[in-house]
Amino acid sequence: RQTLTHGTTTACYFASLYAEASAILGETAANIGQR
């Protein structure tokens, strides 16, 4: 949400060492609508 507020429509993210947490980031971006 914060990066979208700043105008970031596409982000290349380092997520987490943990697979489940990293997948949560993908789900969150999809739900909110960020590429």
PDB file of all heavy atoms in Angstrom:
ATOM      1  N   ARG A   1       0.829  -1.218   0.000  1.00  0.00           N
ATOM      2  CA  ARG A   1       0.000   0.000   0.000  1.00  0.00           C
ATOM      3  C   ARG A   1       0.858   1.261   0.000  1.00  0.00           C
ATOM      4  O   ARG A   1       0.547   2.233  -0.694  1.00  0.00           O
ATOM      5  CB  ARG A   1      -0.954  -0.022   1.193  1.00  0.00           C
ATOM      6  CG  ARG A   1      -1.996  -1.121   1.111  1.00  0.00           C
ATOM      7  CD  ARG A   1      -2.967  -1.099   2.285  1.00  0.00           C
ATOM      8  NE  ARG A   1      -3.800  -2.298   2.300  1.00  0.00           N
ATOM      9  CZ  ARG A   1      -4.889  -2.457   1.551  1.00  0.00           C
ATOM     10  NH1 ARG A   1      -5.284  -1.475   0.742  1.00  0.00           N
ATOM     11  NH2 ARG A   1      -5.595  -3.569   1.619  1.00  0.00           N
ATOM     12  N   GLN A   2       1.947   1.245   0.762  1.00  0.00           N
ATOM     13  CA  GLN A   2       2.796   2.425   0.836  1.00  0.00           C
ATOM     14  C   GLN A   2       3.504   2.687  -0.483  1.00  0.00           C
ATOM     15  O   GLN A   2       3.589   3.827  -0.950  1.00  0.00           O
ATOM     16  CB  GLN A   2       3.828   2.260   1.952  1.00  0.00           C
ATOM     17  CG  GLN A   2       4.666   3.503   2.241  1.00  0.00           C
ATOM     18  CD  GLN A   2       3.840   4.646   2.781  1.00  0.00           C
ATOM     19  OE1 GLN A   2       2.977   4.446   3.620  1.00  0.00           O
ATOM     20  NE2 GLN A   2       4.070   5.846   2.300  1.00  0.00           N
ATOM     21  N   THR A   3       4.018   1.649  -1.115  1.00  0.00           N
ATOM     22  CA  THR A   3       4.712   1.849  -2.385  1.00  0.00           C
ATOM     23  C   THR A   3       3.747   2.300  -3.482  1.00  0.00           C
ATOM     24  O   THR A   3       4.100   3.137  -4.316  1.00  0.00           O
ATOM     25  CB  THR A   3       5.471   0.578  -2.811  1.00  0.00           C
ATOM     26  OG1 THR A   3       4.591  -0.548  -2.785  1.00  0.00           O
ATOM     27  CG2 THR A   3       6.649   0.314  -1.883  1.00  0.00           C
ATOM     28  N   LEU A   4       2.530   1.768  -3.476  1.00  0.00           N
ATOM     29  CA  LEU A   4       1.540   2.250  -4.436  1.00  0.00           C
ATOM     30  C   LEU A   4       1.218   3.725  -4.210  1.00  0.00           C
ATOM     31  O   LEU A   4       1.055   4.494  -5.170  1.00  0.00           O
ATOM     32  CB  LEU A   4       0.257   1.420  -4.346  1.00  0.00           C
ATOM     33  CG  LEU A   4       0.239   0.090  -5.097  1.00  0.00           C
ATOM     34  CD1 LEU A   4      -1.002  -0.707  -4.735  1.00  0.00           C
ATOM     35  CD2 LEU A   4       0.327   0.293  -6.608  1.00  0.00           C
ATOM     36  N   THR A   5       1.127   4.126  -2.966  1.00  0.00           N
ATOM     37  CA  THR A   5       0.891   5.544  -2.653  1.00  0.00           C
ATOM     38  C   THR A   5       1.979   6.421  -3.249  1.00  0.00           C
ATOM     39  O   THR A   5       1.719   7.541  -3.712  1.00  0.00           O
ATOM     40  CB  THR A   5       0.822   5.744  -1.126  1.00  0.00           C
ATOM     41  OG1 THR A   5      -0.309   5.046  -0.616  1.00  0.00           O
ATOM     42  CG2 THR A   5       0.704   7.213  -0.760  1.00  0.00           C
ATOM     43  N   HIS A   6       3.200   5.902  -3.275  1.00  0.00           N
ATOM     44  CA  HIS A   6       4.327   6.636  -3.848  1.00  0.00           C
ATOM     45  C   HIS A   6       4.411   6.493  -5.370  1.00  0.00           C
ATOM     46  O   HIS A   6       5.340   7.022  -5.983  1.00  0.00           O
ATOM     47  CB  HIS A   6       5.643   6.161  -3.228  1.00  0.00           C
ATOM     48  CG  HIS A   6       5.847   6.604  -1.810  1.00  0.00           C
ATOM     49  ND1 HIS A   6       5.716   7.908  -1.411  1.00  0.00           N
ATOM     50  CD2 HIS A   6       6.180   5.901  -0.696  1.00  0.00           C
ATOM     51  CE1 HIS A   6       5.970   8.004  -0.111  1.00  0.00           C
ATOM     52  NE2 HIS A   6       6.236   6.804   0.345  1.00  0.00           N
ATOM     53  N   GLY A   7       3.472   5.771  -5.978  1.00  0.00           N
ATOM     54  CA  GLY A   7       3.440   5.662  -7.429  1.00  0.00           C
ATOM     55  C   GLY A   7       4.158   4.466  -8.000  1.00  0.00           C
ATOM     56  O   GLY A   7       4.342   4.377  -9.230  1.00  0.00           O
ATOM     57  N   THR A   8       4.562   3.508  -7.174  1.00  0.00           N
ATOM     58  CA  THR A   8       5.247   2.312  -7.663  1.00  0.00           C
ATOM     59  C   THR A   8       4.210   1.309  -8.162  1.00  0.00           C
ATOM     60  O   THR A   8       3.584   0.600  -7.368  1.00  0.00           O
ATOM     61  CB  THR A   8       6.111   1.674  -6.559  1.00  0.00           C
ATOM     62  OG1 THR A   8       7.086   2.624  -6.120  1.00  0.00           O
ATOM     63  CG2 THR A   8       6.811   0.429  -7.069  1.00  0.00           C
ATOM     64  N   THR A   9       4.056   1.250  -9.461  1.00  0.00           N
ATOM     65  CA  THR A   9       3.103   0.306 -10.049  1.00  0.00           C
ATOM     66  C   THR A   9       3.724  -1.063 -10.268  1.00  0.00           C
ATOM     67  O   THR A   9       3.009  -2.068 -10.330  1.00  0.00           O
ATOM     68  CB  THR A   9       2.563   0.845 -11.384  1.00  0.00           C
ATOM     69  OG1 THR A   9       3.668   1.190 -12.243  1.00  0.00           O
ATOM     70  CG2 THR A   9       1.712   2.089 -11.158  1.00  0.00           C
ATOM     71  N   THR A  10       5.049  -1.119 -10.399  1.00  0.00           N
ATOM     72  CA  THR A  10       5.778  -2.384 -10.535  1.00  0.00           C
ATOM     73  C   THR A  10       6.920  -2.388  -9.527  1.00  0.00           C
ATOM     74  O   THR A  10       7.701  -1.432  -9.463  1.00  0.00           O
ATOM     75  CB  THR A  10       6.352  -2.570 -11.941  1.00  0.00           C
ATOM     76  OG1 THR A  10       5.287  -2.603 -12.896  1.00  0.00           O
ATOM     77  CG2 THR A  10       7.159  -3.860 -12.051  1.00  0.00           C
ATOM     78  N   ALA A  11       7.020  -3.478  -8.745  1.00  0.00           N
ATOM     79  CA  ALA A  11       8.109  -3.613  -7.783  1.00  0.00           C
ATOM     80  C   ALA A  11       8.776  -4.966  -7.961  1.00  0.00           C
ATOM     81  O   ALA A  11       8.095  -5.984  -8.139  1.00  0.00           O
ATOM     82  CB  ALA A  11       7.586  -3.485  -6.356  1.00  0.00           C
ATOM     83  N   CYS A  12      10.093  -4.972  -7.925  1.00  0.00           N
ATOM     84  CA  CYS A  12      10.867  -6.212  -7.941  1.00  0.00           C
ATOM     85  C   CYS A  12      11.356  -6.425  -6.509  1.00  0.00           C
ATOM     86  O   CYS A  12      12.283  -5.765  -6.048  1.00  0.00           O
ATOM     87  CB  CYS A  12      12.027  -6.115  -8.919  1.00  0.00           C
ATOM     88  SG  CYS A  12      12.879  -7.683  -9.197  1.00  0.00           S
ATOM     89  N   TYR A  13      10.688  -7.343  -5.810  1.00  0.00           N
ATOM     90  CA  TYR A  13      10.852  -7.494  -4.369  1.00  0.00           C
ATOM     91  C   TYR A  13      11.810  -8.626  -3.993  1.00  0.00           C
ATOM     92  O   TYR A  13      11.689  -9.744  -4.495  1.00  0.00           O
ATOM     93  CB  TYR A  13       9.511  -7.835  -3.717  1.00  0.00           C
ATOM     94  CG  TYR A  13       8.520  -6.716  -3.579  1.00  0.00           C
ATOM     95  CD1 TYR A  13       7.286  -6.787  -4.243  1.00  0.00           C
ATOM     96  CD2 TYR A  13       8.767  -5.618  -2.760  1.00  0.00           C
ATOM     97  CE1 TYR A  13       6.334  -5.784  -4.087  1.00  0.00           C
ATOM     98  CE2 TYR A  13       7.829  -4.612  -2.603  1.00  0.00           C
ATOM     99  CZ  TYR A  13       6.618  -4.698  -3.266  1.00  0.00           C
ATOM    100  OH  TYR A  13       5.680  -3.704  -3.107  1.00  0.00           O
ATOM    101  N   PHE A  14      12.720  -8.352  -3.087  1.00  0.00           N
ATOM    102  CA  PHE A  14      13.300  -9.385  -2.245  1.00  0.00           C
ATOM    103  C   PHE A  14      12.277  -9.633  -1.145  1.00  0.00           C
ATOM    104  O   PHE A  14      11.907  -8.708  -0.414  1.00  0.00           O
ATOM    105  CB  PHE A  14      14.598  -8.900  -1.608  1.00  0.00           C
ATOM    106  CG  PHE A  14      15.835  -9.209  -2.403  1.00  0.00           C
ATOM    107  CD1 PHE A  14      16.000  -8.693  -3.683  1.00  0.00           C
ATOM    108  CD2 PHE A  14      16.846  -9.975  -1.870  1.00  0.00           C
ATOM    109  CE1 PHE A  14      17.142  -8.952  -4.409  1.00  0.00           C
ATOM    110  CE2 PHE A  14      18.001 -10.250  -2.595  1.00  0.00           C
ATOM    111  CZ  PHE A  14      18.153  -9.738  -3.873  1.00  0.00           C
ATOM    112  N   ALA A  15      11.809 -10.876  -1.024  1.00  0.00           N
ATOM    113  CA  ALA A  15      10.848 -11.188   0.024  1.00  0.00           C
ATOM    114  C   ALA A  15      11.591 -11.767   1.223  1.00  0.00           C
ATOM    115  O   ALA A  15      12.405 -11.097   1.836  1.00  0.00           O
ATOM    116  CB  ALA A  15       9.772 -12.121  -0.510  1.00  0.00           C
ATOM    117  N   SER A  16      11.354 -13.032   1.554  1.00  0.00           N
ATOM    118  CA  SER A  16      11.858 -13.639   2.784  1.00  0.00           C
ATOM    119  C   SER A  16      12.620 -14.914   2.473  1.00  0.00           C
ATOM    120  O   SER A  16      12.495 -15.491   1.397  1.00  0.00           O
ATOM    121  CB  SER A  16      10.667 -13.952   3.700  1.00  0.00           C
ATOM    122  OG  SER A  16      11.036 -14.755   4.792  1.00  0.00           O
ATOM    123  N   LEU A  17      13.405 -15.361   3.426  1.00  0.00           N
ATOM    124  CA  LEU A  17      14.008 -16.686   3.328  1.00  0.00           C
ATOM    125  C   LEU A  17      12.930 -17.767   3.352  1.00  0.00           C
ATOM    126  O   LEU A  17      13.109 -18.845   2.785  1.00  0.00           O
ATOM    127  CB  LEU A  17      14.985 -16.894   4.498  1.00  0.00           C
ATOM    128  CG  LEU A  17      15.663 -18.261   4.597  1.00  0.00           C
ATOM    129  CD1 LEU A  17      16.638 -18.480   3.446  1.00  0.00           C
ATOM    130  CD2 LEU A  17      16.375 -18.420   5.943  1.00  0.00           C
ATOM    131  N   TYR A  18      11.809 -17.452   3.982  1.00  0.00           N
ATOM    132  CA  TYR A  18      10.763 -18.440   4.209  1.00  0.00           C
ATOM    133  C   TYR A  18       9.769 -18.443   3.054  1.00  0.00           C
ATOM    134  O   TYR A  18       9.212 -17.408   2.678  1.00  0.00           O
ATOM    135  CB  TYR A  18      10.063 -18.151   5.531  1.00  0.00           C
ATOM    136  CG  TYR A  18      11.041 -18.001   6.673  1.00  0.00           C
ATOM    137  CD1 TYR A  18      11.233 -16.764   7.282  1.00  0.00           C
ATOM    138  CD2 TYR A  18      11.809 -19.076   7.103  1.00  0.00           C
ATOM    139  CE1 TYR A  18      12.150 -16.608   8.308  1.00  0.00           C
ATOM    140  CE2 TYR A  18      12.738 -18.935   8.127  1.00  0.00           C
ATOM    141  CZ  TYR A  18      12.905 -17.705   8.724  1.00  0.00           C
ATOM    142  OH  TYR A  18      13.838 -17.557   9.732  1.00  0.00           O
ATOM    143  N   ALA A  19       9.523 -19.634   2.503  1.00  0.00           N
ATOM    144  CA  ALA A  19       8.688 -19.761   1.312  1.00  0.00           C
ATOM    145  C   ALA A  19       7.263 -19.284   1.561  1.00  0.00           C
ATOM    146  O   ALA A  19       6.663 -18.623   0.714  1.00  0.00           O
ATOM    147  CB  ALA A  19       8.687 -21.211   0.829  1.00  0.00           C
ATOM    148  N   GLU A  20       6.710 -19.617   2.720  1.00  0.00           N
ATOM    149  CA  GLU A  20       5.331 -19.246   2.998  1.00  0.00           C
ATOM    150  C   GLU A  20       5.184 -17.729   3.087  1.00  0.00           C
ATOM    151  O   GLU A  20       4.246 -17.148   2.525  1.00  0.00           O
ATOM    152  CB  GLU A  20       4.852 -19.900   4.300  1.00  0.00           C
ATOM    153  CG  GLU A  20       3.395 -19.625   4.619  1.00  0.00           C
ATOM    154  CD  GLU A  20       2.439 -20.114   3.549  1.00  0.00           C
ATOM    155  OE1 GLU A  20       2.726 -21.138   2.901  1.00  0.00           O
ATOM    156  OE2 GLU A  20       1.393 -19.457   3.348  1.00  0.00           O
ATOM    157  N   ALA A  21       6.100 -17.079   3.789  1.00  0.00           N
ATOM    158  CA  ALA A  21       6.041 -15.613   3.886  1.00  0.00           C
ATOM    159  C   ALA A  21       6.185 -14.981   2.512  1.00  0.00           C
ATOM    160  O   ALA A  21       5.487 -14.008   2.182  1.00  0.00           O
ATOM    161  CB  ALA A  21       7.128 -15.100   4.823  1.00  0.00           C
ATOM    162  N   SER A  22       7.077 -15.516   1.700  1.00  0.00           N
ATOM    163  CA  SER A  22       7.293 -14.959   0.362  1.00  0.00           C
ATOM    164  C   SER A  22       6.046 -15.086  -0.495  1.00  0.00           C
ATOM    165  O   SER A  22       5.690 -14.175  -1.245  1.00  0.00           O
ATOM    166  CB  SER A  22       8.480 -15.655  -0.303  1.00  0.00           C
ATOM    167  OG  SER A  22       9.668 -15.472   0.460  1.00  0.00           O
ATOM    168  N   ALA A  23       5.356 -16.224  -0.375  1.00  0.00           N
ATOM    169  CA  ALA A  23       4.109 -16.404  -1.120  1.00  0.00           C
ATOM    170  C   ALA A  23       3.045 -15.424  -0.644  1.00  0.00           C
ATOM    171  O   ALA A  23       2.242 -14.928  -1.444  1.00  0.00           O
ATOM    172  CB  ALA A  23       3.619 -17.842  -0.967  1.00  0.00           C
ATOM    173  N   ILE A  24       3.043 -15.112   0.655  1.00  0.00           N
ATOM    174  CA  ILE A  24       2.092 -14.139   1.189  1.00  0.00           C
ATOM    175  C   ILE A  24       2.302 -12.777   0.537  1.00  0.00           C
ATOM    176  O   ILE A  24       1.329 -12.064   0.239  1.00  0.00           O
ATOM    177  CB  ILE A  24       2.228 -14.048   2.726  1.00  0.00           C
ATOM    178  CG1 ILE A  24       1.638 -15.303   3.374  1.00  0.00           C
ATOM    179  CG2 ILE A  24       1.542 -12.797   3.276  1.00  0.00           C
ATOM    180  CD1 ILE A  24       1.931 -15.434   4.857  1.00  0.00           C
ATOM    181  N   LEU A  25       3.545 -12.402   0.281  1.00  0.00           N
ATOM    182  CA  LEU A  25       3.804 -11.133  -0.408  1.00  0.00           C
ATOM    183  C   LEU A  25       3.183 -11.145  -1.802  1.00  0.00           C
ATOM    184  O   LEU A  25       2.561 -10.164  -2.226  1.00  0.00           O
ATOM    185  CB  LEU A  25       5.308 -10.867  -0.497  1.00  0.00           C
ATOM    186  CG  LEU A  25       5.720  -9.621  -1.283  1.00  0.00           C
ATOM    187  CD1 LEU A  25       5.067  -8.356  -0.743  1.00  0.00           C
ATOM    188  CD2 LEU A  25       7.245  -9.465  -1.306  1.00  0.00           C
ATOM    189  N   GLY A  26       3.333 -12.249  -2.531  1.00  0.00           N
ATOM    190  CA  GLY A  26       2.718 -12.350  -3.855  1.00  0.00           C
ATOM    191  C   GLY A  26       1.212 -12.243  -3.798  1.00  0.00           C
ATOM    192  O   GLY A  26       0.585 -11.543  -4.601  1.00  0.00           O
ATOM    193  N   GLU A  27       0.598 -12.925  -2.828  1.00  0.00           N
ATOM    194  CA  GLU A  27      -0.853 -12.857  -2.677  1.00  0.00           C
ATOM    195  C   GLU A  27      -1.308 -11.445  -2.326  1.00  0.00           C
ATOM    196  O   GLU A  27      -2.327 -10.960  -2.837  1.00  0.00           O
ATOM    197  CB  GLU A  27      -1.293 -13.831  -1.586  1.00  0.00           C
ATOM    198  CG  GLU A  27      -1.136 -15.287  -1.969  1.00  0.00           C
ATOM    199  CD  GLU A  27      -1.310 -16.227  -0.794  1.00  0.00           C
ATOM    200  OE1 GLU A  27      -1.466 -15.740   0.352  1.00  0.00           O
ATOM    201  OE2 GLU A  27      -1.281 -17.453  -1.023  1.00  0.00           O
ATOM    202  N   THR A  28      -0.537 -10.780  -1.470  1.00  0.00           N
ATOM    203  CA  THR A  28      -0.894  -9.420  -1.056  1.00  0.00           C
ATOM    204  C   THR A  28      -0.845  -8.458  -2.234  1.00  0.00           C
ATOM    205  O   THR A  28      -1.764  -7.647  -2.437  1.00  0.00           O
ATOM    206  CB  THR A  28       0.052  -8.940   0.059  1.00  0.00           C
ATOM    207  OG1 THR A  28      -0.022  -9.843   1.165  1.00  0.00           O
ATOM    208  CG2 THR A  28      -0.316  -7.542   0.524  1.00  0.00           C
ATOM    209  N   ALA A  29       0.220  -8.529  -3.022  1.00  0.00           N
ATOM    210  CA  ALA A  29       0.333  -7.653  -4.190  1.00  0.00           C
ATOM    211  C   ALA A  29      -0.790  -7.926  -5.181  1.00  0.00           C
ATOM    212  O   ALA A  29      -1.366  -6.986  -5.752  1.00  0.00           O
ATOM    213  CB  ALA A  29       1.700  -7.839  -4.857  1.00  0.00           C
ATOM    214  N   ALA A  30      -1.129  -9.195  -5.384  1.00  0.00           N
ATOM    215  CA  ALA A  30      -2.222  -9.538  -6.300  1.00  0.00           C
ATOM    216  C   ALA A  30      -3.548  -8.992  -5.796  1.00  0.00           C
ATOM    217  O   ALA A  30      -4.346  -8.442  -6.563  1.00  0.00           O
ATOM    218  CB  ALA A  30      -2.297 -11.050  -6.484  1.00  0.00           C
ATOM    219  N   ASN A  31      -3.823  -9.145  -4.506  1.00  0.00           N
ATOM    220  CA  ASN A  31      -5.080  -8.681  -3.929  1.00  0.00           C
ATOM    221  C   ASN A  31      -5.234  -7.166  -4.043  1.00  0.00           C
ATOM    222  O   ASN A  31      -6.314  -6.656  -4.344  1.00  0.00           O
ATOM    223  CB  ASN A  31      -5.176  -9.083  -2.457  1.00  0.00           C
ATOM    224  CG  ASN A  31      -5.454 -10.558  -2.265  1.00  0.00           C
ATOM    225  OD1 ASN A  31      -5.955 -11.215  -3.166  1.00  0.00           O
ATOM    226  ND2 ASN A  31      -5.128 -11.077  -1.095  1.00  0.00           N
ATOM    227  N   ILE A  32      -4.162  -6.454  -3.772  1.00  0.00           N
ATOM    228  CA  ILE A  32      -4.234  -4.991  -3.771  1.00  0.00           C
ATOM    229  C   ILE A  32      -4.119  -4.427  -5.181  1.00  0.00           C
ATOM    230  O   ILE A  32      -4.688  -3.383  -5.498  1.00  0.00           O
ATOM    231  CB  ILE A  32      -3.152  -4.408  -2.839  1.00  0.00           C
ATOM    232  CG1 ILE A  32      -3.434  -4.843  -1.394  1.00  0.00           C
ATOM    233  CG2 ILE A  32      -3.101  -2.886  -2.924  1.00  0.00           C
ATOM    234  CD1 ILE A  32      -2.348  -4.468  -0.400  1.00  0.00           C
ATOM    235  N   GLY A  33      -3.403  -5.138  -6.062  1.00  0.00           N
ATOM    236  CA  GLY A  33      -3.354  -4.733  -7.461  1.00  0.00           C
ATOM    237  C   GLY A  33      -2.045  -4.181  -7.948  1.00  0.00           C
ATOM    238  O   GLY A  33      -2.001  -3.494  -8.971  1.00  0.00           O
ATOM    239  N   GLN A  34      -0.946  -4.487  -7.266  1.00  0.00           N
ATOM    240  CA  GLN A  34       0.369  -4.033  -7.727  1.00  0.00           C
ATOM    241  C   GLN A  34       1.005  -5.103  -8.607  1.00  0.00           C
ATOM    242  O   GLN A  34       0.868  -6.304  -8.355  1.00  0.00           O
ATOM    243  CB  GLN A  34       1.275  -3.755  -6.527  1.00  0.00           C
ATOM    244  CG  GLN A  34       2.627  -3.132  -6.888  1.00  0.00           C
ATOM    245  CD  GLN A  34       3.439  -2.807  -5.637  1.00  0.00           C
ATOM    246  OE1 GLN A  34       3.710  -3.665  -4.813  1.00  0.00           O
ATOM    247  NE2 GLN A  34       3.799  -1.537  -5.489  1.00  0.00           N
ATOM    248  N   ARG A  35       1.698  -4.663  -9.646  1.00  0.00           N
ATOM    249  CA  ARG A  35       2.491  -5.585 -10.462  1.00  0.00           C
ATOM    250  C   ARG A  35       3.783  -5.878  -9.699  1.00  0.00           C
ATOM    251  O   ARG A  35       4.477  -4.953  -9.269  1.00  0.00           O
ATOM    252  CB  ARG A  35       2.802  -4.923 -11.808  1.00  0.00           C
ATOM    253  CG  ARG A  35       3.383  -5.853 -12.860  1.00  0.00           C
ATOM    254  CD  ARG A  35       3.744  -5.077 -14.129  1.00  0.00           C
ATOM    255  NE  ARG A  35       2.599  -4.356 -14.663  1.00  0.00           N
ATOM    256  CZ  ARG A  35       1.654  -4.885 -15.440  1.00  0.00           C
ATOM    257  NH1 ARG A  35       1.728  -6.162 -15.768  1.00  0.00           N
ATOM    258  NH2 ARG A  35       0.652  -4.158 -15.883  1.00  0.00           N
TER     259      ARG A  35
END
